[in-house]
Each structure stands twice: as structure tokens, then as C-alpha cells.
């Protein structure tokens, strides 16, 4: 009887401990803050593109520094999230945001013609943002063109692009806030 009691008591100790084992990473305040800031930067850019009456203000060359900074910020966020164990869901969301930014840059320069081929999608996923003034096939462009700096952002596209970014950032930030809640923090 004492063997049965010991075995049962061991089970009652092990089962609650097993539920404490995490299959997802912990909340990361830096990831949360970086993603929030990047989301604000992209929203600010899209508002500027949709509200500026000046064609020159919507030129890619005028906004090249935005793409350069956003690409660097996203690369930093990707490296950070990849370095955290059990962070696959967050890494995936950052990858989706990087893809959206790469597509937006190519679209801004007029480098994408529909329908996209699978090799273009793969190039966009693997190479990331092309902040150069040209269209480069190796980055997923439909055509190779040296200078697209005078290509203007089409403000009609801003709401749909914003929706895509909002969805991706929303998923990323919701995930981080759930991690925070699981750790006992407030959301």
C-alpha cells in the first residue's frame, strides 16, 4: 500500500510541474517596444504617402531613407527574435512583416508586375528589402531597371498596404502580450 501511495503522490507532483514547461519563449520587452515603434514608423509613412499632394514627396528617392531605416530596424528585430529559444511564432511574424516591407518597396518603385511568379516571391522572402533606386530581379523585381527613384507611391494603395501591416503587427504584438500575461505581467 505504501508503494501505491508513493507512486500516486509522485504523479500528483509531476503532473502540475509538467504543465509549467513552456513550449513558447518568454515575453521580450525589447521585441515589444521595437515592433511597436516600427509599426508607428510604417503607419506614419503610409499617412504621409496617402495625404501628400506633392508628387515629389511621394517619389521613392525622397523616401529611400525610410526604407533603409525600416529594413535595418527589421533586420535587428529578426536577429533578436531568432536568438531567443522557442520563439518560432514571433520569428515567423517578423518574417511576414519583412516580406510586406520588401513588397511595398518594390511596388513603390514600380518593380512588380502581376501576376507574381513563385521565384519572385521566394526572392522577396530570402533577400528582403531592396532599398536601392533600381529594380533588381535578384530581389524579386519583375524587371531589371537602373533608376526608379522618380517612381511615386500610389496613394490609392495605402489603405490595403496598411491593412496588411496592421494584421501582421497585430499578430506579433498580440503574441508578445500573451507571453507577458502568461508570465504574470499585465497586458
N, C-alpha and C. Protein backbone atom coordinates (compact mmCIF):
# COMPACT_ATOMS: atom_id res chain seq x y z
N UNK A 1 0.81 -1.19 0.00
CA UNK A 1 0.00 0.00 0.00
C UNK A 1 0.86 1.26 0.00
N UNK A 2 1.97 1.25 0.73
CA UNK A 2 2.81 2.43 0.79
C UNK A 2 3.47 2.71 -0.56
N UNK A 3 3.75 1.69 -1.37
CA UNK A 3 4.31 1.87 -2.71
C UNK A 3 3.27 2.58 -3.60
N UNK A 4 2.02 2.19 -3.48
CA UNK A 4 0.96 2.80 -4.25
C UNK A 4 0.79 4.27 -3.86
N UNK A 5 0.83 4.55 -2.59
CA UNK A 5 0.70 5.93 -2.10
C UNK A 5 1.86 6.78 -2.62
N UNK A 6 3.10 6.24 -2.55
CA UNK A 6 4.27 6.98 -3.05
C UNK A 6 4.15 7.24 -4.55
N UNK A 7 3.72 6.25 -5.30
CA UNK A 7 3.57 6.42 -6.75
C UNK A 7 2.50 7.46 -7.08
N UNK A 8 1.37 7.39 -6.36
CA UNK A 8 0.31 8.37 -6.59
C UNK A 8 0.76 9.78 -6.21
N UNK A 9 1.47 9.90 -5.10
CA UNK A 9 1.94 11.23 -4.70
C UNK A 9 2.97 11.77 -5.70
N UNK A 10 3.78 10.89 -6.26
CA UNK A 10 4.74 11.32 -7.28
C UNK A 10 4.01 11.83 -8.51
N UNK A 11 2.94 11.16 -8.88
CA UNK A 11 2.15 11.57 -10.04
C UNK A 11 1.54 12.94 -9.79
N UNK A 12 1.01 13.16 -8.58
CA UNK A 12 0.38 14.45 -8.27
C UNK A 12 1.40 15.58 -8.21
N UNK A 13 2.66 15.28 -8.03
CA UNK A 13 3.71 16.30 -8.04
C UNK A 13 4.20 16.54 -9.47
N UNK A 14 4.36 15.48 -10.25
CA UNK A 14 4.92 15.59 -11.60
C UNK A 14 3.93 16.24 -12.57
N UNK A 15 2.66 15.91 -12.50
CA UNK A 15 1.69 16.45 -13.45
C UNK A 15 1.61 17.98 -13.37
N UNK A 16 1.48 18.60 -12.20
CA UNK A 16 1.47 20.06 -12.18
C UNK A 16 2.78 20.67 -12.67
N UNK A 17 3.90 20.03 -12.38
CA UNK A 17 5.18 20.55 -12.86
C UNK A 17 5.28 20.47 -14.37
N UNK A 18 4.72 19.42 -14.96
CA UNK A 18 4.77 19.27 -16.40
C UNK A 18 4.00 20.38 -17.10
N UNK A 19 2.95 20.86 -16.48
CA UNK A 19 2.18 21.94 -17.09
C UNK A 19 2.94 23.26 -17.04
N UNK A 20 3.99 23.36 -16.26
CA UNK A 20 4.79 24.58 -16.18
C UNK A 20 5.87 24.63 -17.27
N UNK A 21 6.09 23.54 -17.95
CA UNK A 21 7.10 23.51 -19.00
C UNK A 21 6.56 24.30 -20.19
N UNK A 22 7.32 25.27 -20.63
CA UNK A 22 6.87 26.15 -21.69
C UNK A 22 7.36 25.67 -23.05
N UNK A 23 6.47 25.75 -24.04
CA UNK A 23 6.85 25.42 -25.41
C UNK A 23 6.97 26.69 -26.25
N UNK A 24 6.87 27.83 -25.60
CA UNK A 24 6.99 29.11 -26.28
C UNK A 24 7.92 30.00 -25.46
N UNK A 25 8.56 30.90 -26.12
CA UNK A 25 9.52 31.77 -25.43
C UNK A 25 8.81 32.70 -24.45
N UNK A 26 9.59 33.31 -23.62
CA UNK A 26 9.08 34.28 -22.66
C UNK A 26 8.87 35.63 -23.35
N UNK A 27 8.12 36.47 -22.70
CA UNK A 27 7.89 37.83 -23.17
C UNK A 27 9.22 38.57 -23.26
N UNK A 28 9.40 39.33 -24.32
CA UNK A 28 10.60 40.13 -24.50
C UNK A 28 10.20 41.58 -24.70
N UNK A 29 10.49 42.40 -23.71
CA UNK A 29 10.10 43.81 -23.74
C UNK A 29 10.72 44.55 -24.92
N UNK A 30 11.95 44.21 -25.27
CA UNK A 30 12.62 44.88 -26.39
C UNK A 30 11.93 44.56 -27.71
N UNK A 31 11.52 43.31 -27.90
CA UNK A 31 10.79 42.94 -29.10
C UNK A 31 9.48 43.72 -29.18
N UNK A 32 8.77 43.78 -28.07
CA UNK A 32 7.51 44.51 -28.00
C UNK A 32 7.72 45.98 -28.36
N UNK A 33 8.69 46.63 -27.73
CA UNK A 33 8.95 48.05 -27.97
C UNK A 33 9.42 48.31 -29.39
N UNK A 34 10.31 47.46 -29.89
CA UNK A 34 10.83 47.64 -31.26
C UNK A 34 9.73 47.47 -32.30
N UNK A 35 8.90 46.45 -32.12
CA UNK A 35 7.81 46.21 -33.06
C UNK A 35 6.80 47.36 -33.02
N UNK A 36 6.50 47.84 -31.83
CA UNK A 36 5.56 48.96 -31.69
C UNK A 36 6.09 50.20 -32.39
N UNK A 37 7.37 50.50 -32.20
CA UNK A 37 7.97 51.68 -32.83
C UNK A 37 7.99 51.54 -34.35
N UNK A 38 8.35 50.37 -34.83
CA UNK A 38 8.38 50.14 -36.27
C UNK A 38 6.99 50.25 -36.88
N UNK A 39 6.00 49.74 -36.17
CA UNK A 39 4.61 49.86 -36.64
C UNK A 39 4.22 51.33 -36.74
N UNK A 40 4.60 52.14 -35.77
CA UNK A 40 4.31 53.58 -35.82
C UNK A 40 5.03 54.25 -36.98
N UNK A 41 6.28 53.87 -37.23
CA UNK A 41 7.05 54.44 -38.34
C UNK A 41 6.40 54.13 -39.68
N UNK A 42 5.96 52.89 -39.86
CA UNK A 42 5.32 52.50 -41.12
C UNK A 42 3.98 53.18 -41.27
N UNK A 43 3.20 53.26 -40.19
CA UNK A 43 1.93 53.98 -40.25
C UNK A 43 2.14 55.45 -40.62
N UNK A 44 3.14 56.07 -40.02
CA UNK A 44 3.45 57.48 -40.32
C UNK A 44 3.80 57.64 -41.79
N UNK A 45 4.61 56.72 -42.32
CA UNK A 45 4.98 56.75 -43.73
C UNK A 45 3.73 56.63 -44.61
N UNK A 46 2.86 55.68 -44.31
CA UNK A 46 1.67 55.47 -45.13
C UNK A 46 0.71 56.66 -45.07
N UNK A 47 0.60 57.29 -43.91
CA UNK A 47 -0.23 58.50 -43.82
C UNK A 47 0.38 59.60 -44.69
N UNK A 48 1.69 59.74 -44.63
CA UNK A 48 2.38 60.74 -45.46
C UNK A 48 2.14 60.46 -46.94
N UNK A 49 2.25 59.19 -47.34
CA UNK A 49 2.07 58.84 -48.75
C UNK A 49 0.64 59.06 -49.22
N UNK A 50 -0.32 58.85 -48.34
CA UNK A 50 -1.72 58.98 -48.76
C UNK A 50 -2.23 60.41 -48.66
N UNK A 51 -1.53 61.27 -47.92
CA UNK A 51 -2.05 62.63 -47.74
C UNK A 51 -1.23 63.72 -48.42
N UNK A 52 -0.06 63.39 -48.93
CA UNK A 52 0.78 64.42 -49.55
C UNK A 52 0.28 64.76 -50.95
N UNK A 53 -0.04 66.05 -51.17
CA UNK A 53 -0.47 66.44 -52.52
C UNK A 53 0.71 66.54 -53.50
N UNK A 54 1.92 66.60 -52.96
CA UNK A 54 3.10 66.76 -53.80
C UNK A 54 3.59 65.42 -54.34
N UNK A 55 3.66 65.32 -55.66
CA UNK A 55 4.17 64.11 -56.29
C UNK A 55 5.61 63.86 -55.86
N UNK A 56 6.39 64.92 -55.78
CA UNK A 56 7.80 64.81 -55.40
C UNK A 56 7.96 64.21 -54.00
N UNK A 57 7.05 64.53 -53.09
CA UNK A 57 7.10 63.98 -51.73
C UNK A 57 6.85 62.47 -51.73
N UNK A 58 6.23 61.96 -52.78
CA UNK A 58 5.91 60.54 -52.88
C UNK A 58 6.91 59.77 -53.73
N UNK A 59 7.94 60.44 -54.26
CA UNK A 59 8.98 59.76 -55.02
C UNK A 59 9.72 58.76 -54.13
N UNK A 60 10.15 57.66 -54.72
CA UNK A 60 10.94 56.69 -53.97
C UNK A 60 12.23 57.32 -53.47
N UNK A 61 12.90 58.10 -54.33
CA UNK A 61 14.18 58.71 -53.93
C UNK A 61 14.02 59.63 -52.73
N UNK A 62 12.89 60.31 -52.63
CA UNK A 62 12.61 61.18 -51.49
C UNK A 62 12.44 60.37 -50.21
N UNK A 63 11.99 59.14 -50.35
CA UNK A 63 11.67 58.28 -49.20
C UNK A 63 12.62 57.11 -49.04
N UNK A 64 13.71 57.10 -49.78
CA UNK A 64 14.66 55.99 -49.72
C UNK A 64 15.18 55.77 -48.31
N UNK A 65 15.44 56.85 -47.58
CA UNK A 65 15.97 56.72 -46.21
C UNK A 65 14.97 56.02 -45.29
N UNK A 66 13.67 56.19 -45.53
CA UNK A 66 12.66 55.47 -44.74
C UNK A 66 12.85 53.96 -44.92
N UNK A 67 12.97 53.53 -46.17
CA UNK A 67 13.13 52.10 -46.45
C UNK A 67 14.44 51.56 -45.86
N UNK A 68 15.50 52.33 -45.96
CA UNK A 68 16.79 51.90 -45.40
C UNK A 68 16.68 51.71 -43.89
N UNK A 69 16.10 52.70 -43.21
CA UNK A 69 15.96 52.62 -41.75
C UNK A 69 15.03 51.49 -41.34
N UNK A 70 13.89 51.37 -42.02
CA UNK A 70 12.93 50.31 -41.69
C UNK A 70 13.55 48.93 -41.92
N UNK A 71 14.34 48.78 -42.99
CA UNK A 71 15.00 47.49 -43.27
C UNK A 71 16.00 47.15 -42.17
N UNK A 72 16.76 48.14 -41.73
CA UNK A 72 17.74 47.91 -40.66
C UNK A 72 17.02 47.56 -39.36
N UNK A 73 15.96 48.29 -39.04
CA UNK A 73 15.19 48.01 -37.83
C UNK A 73 14.60 46.61 -37.85
N UNK A 74 14.08 46.21 -39.01
CA UNK A 74 13.51 44.86 -39.13
C UNK A 74 14.58 43.78 -39.06
N UNK A 75 15.73 44.03 -39.67
CA UNK A 75 16.82 43.06 -39.57
C UNK A 75 17.27 42.89 -38.12
N UNK A 76 17.36 43.99 -37.40
CA UNK A 76 17.74 43.93 -35.98
C UNK A 76 16.70 43.15 -35.17
N UNK A 77 15.43 43.42 -35.46
CA UNK A 77 14.35 42.71 -34.78
C UNK A 77 14.39 41.22 -35.12
N UNK A 78 14.66 40.90 -36.38
CA UNK A 78 14.73 39.50 -36.79
C UNK A 78 15.87 38.78 -36.07
N UNK A 79 17.03 39.40 -36.01
CA UNK A 79 18.17 38.79 -35.32
C UNK A 79 17.85 38.58 -33.85
N UNK A 80 17.25 39.57 -33.22
CA UNK A 80 16.90 39.45 -31.81
C UNK A 80 15.92 38.31 -31.59
N UNK A 81 14.85 38.27 -32.38
CA UNK A 81 13.83 37.24 -32.18
C UNK A 81 14.37 35.84 -32.49
N UNK A 82 15.27 35.74 -33.46
CA UNK A 82 15.86 34.45 -33.79
C UNK A 82 16.80 33.94 -32.69
N UNK A 83 17.34 34.85 -31.91
CA UNK A 83 18.28 34.45 -30.86
C UNK A 83 17.59 33.97 -29.59
N UNK A 84 16.29 34.14 -29.51
CA UNK A 84 15.53 33.73 -28.33
C UNK A 84 15.00 32.31 -28.56
N UNK A 85 15.33 31.39 -27.65
CA UNK A 85 14.86 30.00 -27.82
C UNK A 85 13.33 29.90 -27.82
N UNK A 86 12.82 28.95 -28.57
CA UNK A 86 11.38 28.66 -28.65
C UNK A 86 10.56 29.89 -29.09
N UNK A 87 11.10 30.64 -30.03
CA UNK A 87 10.47 31.88 -30.45
C UNK A 87 10.01 31.82 -31.91
N UNK A 88 9.71 30.62 -32.38
CA UNK A 88 9.41 30.42 -33.80
C UNK A 88 8.21 31.24 -34.29
N UNK A 89 7.17 31.36 -33.49
CA UNK A 89 5.99 32.11 -33.92
C UNK A 89 6.32 33.59 -34.11
N UNK A 90 7.10 34.14 -33.21
CA UNK A 90 7.49 35.55 -33.32
C UNK A 90 8.40 35.74 -34.52
N UNK A 91 9.34 34.84 -34.72
CA UNK A 91 10.25 34.91 -35.87
C UNK A 91 9.44 34.87 -37.17
N UNK A 92 8.43 34.02 -37.22
CA UNK A 92 7.58 33.92 -38.41
C UNK A 92 6.86 35.24 -38.68
N UNK A 93 6.32 35.86 -37.64
CA UNK A 93 5.61 37.13 -37.82
C UNK A 93 6.55 38.23 -38.30
N UNK A 94 7.77 38.28 -37.76
CA UNK A 94 8.74 39.28 -38.21
C UNK A 94 9.07 39.03 -39.68
N UNK A 95 9.17 37.77 -40.08
CA UNK A 95 9.41 37.44 -41.49
C UNK A 95 8.30 37.94 -42.40
N UNK A 96 7.07 37.83 -41.95
CA UNK A 96 5.92 38.32 -42.73
C UNK A 96 6.00 39.84 -42.87
N UNK A 97 6.36 40.53 -41.81
CA UNK A 97 6.48 41.99 -41.87
C UNK A 97 7.61 42.38 -42.82
N UNK A 98 8.74 41.66 -42.76
CA UNK A 98 9.84 41.94 -43.69
C UNK A 98 9.39 41.75 -45.13
N UNK A 99 8.62 40.70 -45.37
CA UNK A 99 8.11 40.45 -46.72
C UNK A 99 7.21 41.59 -47.18
N UNK A 100 6.33 42.05 -46.31
CA UNK A 100 5.44 43.16 -46.66
C UNK A 100 6.25 44.42 -46.99
N UNK A 101 7.28 44.70 -46.21
CA UNK A 101 8.09 45.89 -46.46
C UNK A 101 8.83 45.75 -47.80
N UNK A 102 9.37 44.57 -48.08
CA UNK A 102 10.07 44.34 -49.35
C UNK A 102 9.12 44.51 -50.53
N UNK A 103 7.91 43.99 -50.40
CA UNK A 103 6.90 44.14 -51.46
C UNK A 103 6.51 45.60 -51.64
N UNK A 104 6.37 46.32 -50.53
CA UNK A 104 6.00 47.73 -50.61
C UNK A 104 7.09 48.53 -51.33
N UNK A 105 8.35 48.26 -51.00
CA UNK A 105 9.46 48.97 -51.65
C UNK A 105 9.47 48.69 -53.15
N UNK A 106 9.32 47.42 -53.53
CA UNK A 106 9.30 47.07 -54.95
C UNK A 106 8.10 47.71 -55.65
N UNK A 107 6.96 47.70 -55.00
CA UNK A 107 5.78 48.33 -55.57
C UNK A 107 5.94 49.84 -55.70
N UNK A 108 6.54 50.45 -54.71
CA UNK A 108 6.77 51.90 -54.73
C UNK A 108 7.62 52.28 -55.95
N UNK A 109 8.59 51.45 -56.26
CA UNK A 109 9.47 51.73 -57.40
C UNK A 109 8.89 51.26 -58.73
N UNK A 110 7.75 50.61 -58.69
CA UNK A 110 7.15 50.09 -59.92
C UNK A 110 7.89 48.89 -60.46
N UNK A 111 8.44 48.08 -59.57
CA UNK A 111 9.26 46.93 -59.96
C UNK A 111 8.49 45.62 -60.04
N UNK A 112 7.23 45.63 -59.66
CA UNK A 112 6.43 44.40 -59.65
C UNK A 112 5.30 44.50 -60.64
N UNK A 113 5.19 43.51 -61.46
CA UNK A 113 4.07 43.39 -62.40
C UNK A 113 3.35 42.08 -62.09
N UNK A 114 2.04 42.15 -61.95
CA UNK A 114 1.26 40.96 -61.62
C UNK A 114 1.06 40.12 -62.86
N UNK A 115 0.86 38.86 -62.79
CA UNK A 115 0.93 38.06 -61.58
C UNK A 115 2.38 37.73 -61.22
N UNK A 116 2.63 37.61 -59.92
CA UNK A 116 3.97 37.29 -59.45
C UNK A 116 4.26 35.82 -59.66
N UNK A 117 5.49 35.55 -59.98
CA UNK A 117 5.94 34.16 -60.12
C UNK A 117 6.46 33.70 -58.76
N UNK A 118 6.44 32.39 -58.56
CA UNK A 118 6.89 31.83 -57.28
C UNK A 118 8.35 32.19 -57.00
N UNK A 119 9.19 32.23 -58.04
CA UNK A 119 10.60 32.59 -57.81
C UNK A 119 10.75 34.04 -57.35
N UNK A 120 9.82 34.91 -57.77
CA UNK A 120 9.84 36.29 -57.27
C UNK A 120 9.48 36.31 -55.79
N UNK A 121 8.46 35.59 -55.41
CA UNK A 121 8.05 35.54 -54.00
C UNK A 121 9.18 34.99 -53.13
N UNK A 122 9.85 33.96 -53.64
CA UNK A 122 10.97 33.38 -52.89
C UNK A 122 12.11 34.39 -52.75
N UNK A 123 12.41 35.12 -53.82
CA UNK A 123 13.47 36.14 -53.76
C UNK A 123 13.12 37.23 -52.76
N UNK A 124 11.86 37.63 -52.73
CA UNK A 124 11.41 38.65 -51.78
C UNK A 124 11.57 38.14 -50.35
N UNK A 125 11.19 36.89 -50.12
CA UNK A 125 11.30 36.30 -48.77
C UNK A 125 12.76 36.17 -48.33
N UNK A 126 13.62 35.76 -49.24
CA UNK A 126 15.00 35.48 -48.84
C UNK A 126 15.92 36.69 -48.88
N UNK A 127 15.74 37.58 -49.84
CA UNK A 127 16.65 38.72 -49.98
C UNK A 127 16.22 39.92 -49.13
N UNK A 128 14.93 40.04 -48.87
CA UNK A 128 14.46 41.16 -48.06
C UNK A 128 14.26 42.43 -48.85
N UNK A 129 14.40 43.55 -48.16
CA UNK A 129 14.08 44.85 -48.72
C UNK A 129 15.19 45.33 -49.65
N UNK A 130 14.81 45.75 -50.84
CA UNK A 130 15.74 46.37 -51.78
C UNK A 130 15.53 47.88 -51.69
N UNK A 131 16.39 48.54 -50.94
CA UNK A 131 16.26 50.00 -50.74
C UNK A 131 17.06 50.78 -51.79
N UNK A 132 17.60 50.09 -52.79
CA UNK A 132 18.31 50.79 -53.86
C UNK A 132 17.31 51.53 -54.73
N UNK A 133 17.81 52.37 -55.61
CA UNK A 133 16.92 53.11 -56.51
C UNK A 133 16.48 52.29 -57.71
N UNK A 134 17.09 51.14 -57.91
CA UNK A 134 16.78 50.33 -59.08
C UNK A 134 15.86 49.17 -58.78
N UNK A 135 15.41 48.53 -59.86
CA UNK A 135 14.65 47.29 -59.78
C UNK A 135 15.63 46.17 -60.07
N UNK A 136 15.74 45.22 -59.15
CA UNK A 136 16.68 44.12 -59.32
C UNK A 136 15.93 42.80 -59.21
N UNK A 137 16.08 42.00 -60.25
CA UNK A 137 15.41 40.70 -60.32
C UNK A 137 15.81 39.82 -59.14
N UNK A 138 17.06 39.91 -58.71
CA UNK A 138 17.52 39.08 -57.59
C UNK A 138 16.76 39.37 -56.29
N UNK A 139 16.11 40.54 -56.21
CA UNK A 139 15.30 40.91 -55.04
C UNK A 139 13.80 40.70 -55.29
N UNK A 140 13.46 40.09 -56.42
CA UNK A 140 12.06 39.78 -56.70
C UNK A 140 11.39 40.70 -57.69
N UNK A 141 12.11 41.66 -58.26
CA UNK A 141 11.52 42.57 -59.24
C UNK A 141 11.14 41.80 -60.50
N UNK A 142 10.12 42.28 -61.20
CA UNK A 142 9.69 41.68 -62.45
C UNK A 142 10.63 42.04 -63.60
N UNK A 143 11.33 43.15 -63.44
CA UNK A 143 12.22 43.63 -64.47
C UNK A 143 13.45 44.27 -63.84
N UNK A 144 14.50 44.36 -64.62
CA UNK A 144 15.77 44.95 -64.18
C UNK A 144 15.84 46.36 -64.77
N UNK A 145 15.79 47.37 -63.90
CA UNK A 145 15.85 48.77 -64.33
C UNK A 145 16.78 49.51 -63.39
N UNK A 146 17.65 50.36 -63.94
CA UNK A 146 18.69 51.02 -63.14
C UNK A 146 18.15 52.08 -62.20
N UNK A 147 17.28 52.95 -62.63
CA UNK A 147 16.88 54.06 -61.77
C UNK A 147 15.37 54.24 -61.76
N UNK A 148 14.77 53.95 -60.61
CA UNK A 148 13.33 54.13 -60.43
C UNK A 148 13.05 55.14 -59.31
N UNK A 149 14.02 56.00 -59.04
CA UNK A 149 13.88 56.98 -57.96
C UNK A 149 12.73 57.95 -58.14
N UNK A 150 12.34 58.20 -59.39
CA UNK A 150 11.25 59.15 -59.64
C UNK A 150 9.88 58.47 -59.68
N UNK A 151 9.84 57.20 -59.32
CA UNK A 151 8.57 56.50 -59.25
C UNK A 151 7.84 56.95 -57.97
N UNK A 152 6.60 57.35 -58.12
CA UNK A 152 5.84 57.88 -56.98
C UNK A 152 4.92 56.82 -56.38
N UNK A 153 4.81 56.85 -55.07
CA UNK A 153 3.90 55.96 -54.33
C UNK A 153 2.47 56.27 -54.76
N UNK A 154 1.69 55.23 -55.03
CA UNK A 154 0.30 55.40 -55.41
C UNK A 154 -0.54 55.44 -54.13
N UNK A 155 -1.09 56.62 -53.77
CA UNK A 155 -1.83 56.74 -52.50
C UNK A 155 -3.07 55.86 -52.42
N UNK A 156 -3.60 55.44 -53.54
CA UNK A 156 -4.78 54.57 -53.55
C UNK A 156 -4.46 53.22 -52.89
N UNK A 157 -3.18 52.82 -52.95
CA UNK A 157 -2.77 51.53 -52.39
C UNK A 157 -2.55 51.57 -50.88
N UNK A 158 -2.43 52.75 -50.31
CA UNK A 158 -2.08 52.89 -48.89
C UNK A 158 -3.03 52.14 -47.94
N UNK A 159 -4.35 52.23 -48.09
CA UNK A 159 -5.23 51.51 -47.14
C UNK A 159 -5.02 50.00 -47.13
N UNK A 160 -4.84 49.40 -48.31
CA UNK A 160 -4.65 47.94 -48.36
C UNK A 160 -3.29 47.56 -47.79
N UNK A 161 -2.27 48.34 -48.08
CA UNK A 161 -0.93 48.08 -47.53
C UNK A 161 -0.98 48.22 -46.01
N UNK A 162 -1.65 49.25 -45.52
CA UNK A 162 -1.78 49.47 -44.08
C UNK A 162 -2.51 48.29 -43.43
N UNK A 163 -3.55 47.80 -44.07
CA UNK A 163 -4.29 46.65 -43.54
C UNK A 163 -3.37 45.43 -43.39
N UNK A 164 -2.53 45.19 -44.38
CA UNK A 164 -1.61 44.05 -44.32
C UNK A 164 -0.61 44.21 -43.17
N UNK A 165 -0.04 45.40 -43.04
CA UNK A 165 0.90 45.65 -41.95
C UNK A 165 0.20 45.57 -40.59
N UNK A 166 -0.99 46.16 -40.50
CA UNK A 166 -1.74 46.12 -39.22
C UNK A 166 -2.01 44.68 -38.80
N UNK A 167 -2.36 43.85 -39.76
CA UNK A 167 -2.64 42.44 -39.45
C UNK A 167 -1.38 41.75 -38.94
N UNK A 168 -0.26 41.96 -39.61
CA UNK A 168 0.99 41.30 -39.21
C UNK A 168 1.51 41.84 -37.88
N UNK A 169 1.53 43.15 -37.72
CA UNK A 169 1.98 43.72 -36.45
C UNK A 169 1.02 43.36 -35.32
N UNK A 170 -0.29 43.34 -35.61
CA UNK A 170 -1.27 42.96 -34.60
C UNK A 170 -1.02 41.56 -34.08
N UNK A 171 -0.73 40.63 -34.98
CA UNK A 171 -0.45 39.25 -34.57
C UNK A 171 0.82 39.18 -33.73
N UNK A 172 1.85 39.90 -34.15
CA UNK A 172 3.12 39.90 -33.42
C UNK A 172 2.94 40.49 -32.02
N UNK A 173 2.29 41.64 -31.94
CA UNK A 173 2.12 42.29 -30.64
C UNK A 173 1.17 41.52 -29.73
N UNK A 174 0.14 40.91 -30.31
CA UNK A 174 -0.76 40.08 -29.50
C UNK A 174 -0.01 38.90 -28.90
N UNK A 175 0.85 38.29 -29.69
CA UNK A 175 1.65 37.17 -29.21
C UNK A 175 2.55 37.62 -28.05
N UNK A 176 3.21 38.75 -28.21
CA UNK A 176 4.09 39.24 -27.13
C UNK A 176 3.28 39.57 -25.87
N UNK A 177 2.11 40.16 -26.04
CA UNK A 177 1.28 40.49 -24.86
C UNK A 177 0.76 39.22 -24.18
N UNK A 178 0.45 38.19 -24.95
CA UNK A 178 0.04 36.92 -24.35
C UNK A 178 1.19 36.29 -23.57
N UNK A 179 2.39 36.40 -24.10
CA UNK A 179 3.57 35.90 -23.37
C UNK A 179 3.72 36.64 -22.04
N UNK A 180 3.50 37.95 -22.10
CA UNK A 180 3.61 38.77 -20.89
C UNK A 180 2.56 38.35 -19.86
N UNK A 181 1.33 38.10 -20.36
CA UNK A 181 0.25 37.68 -19.47
C UNK A 181 0.57 36.32 -18.84
N UNK A 182 1.11 35.40 -19.63
CA UNK A 182 1.47 34.08 -19.13
C UNK A 182 2.56 34.16 -18.05
N UNK A 183 3.41 35.16 -18.19
CA UNK A 183 4.50 35.34 -17.21
C UNK A 183 4.01 36.06 -15.95
N UNK A 184 2.75 36.45 -15.96
CA UNK A 184 2.21 37.10 -14.77
C UNK A 184 2.22 38.61 -14.86
N UNK A 185 2.60 39.13 -16.01
CA UNK A 185 2.59 40.59 -16.20
C UNK A 185 1.23 41.06 -16.63
N UNK A 186 1.04 42.34 -16.63
CA UNK A 186 -0.23 42.89 -17.08
C UNK A 186 -0.17 43.12 -18.58
N UNK A 187 -1.31 43.01 -19.26
CA UNK A 187 -1.32 43.25 -20.70
C UNK A 187 -1.87 44.60 -21.04
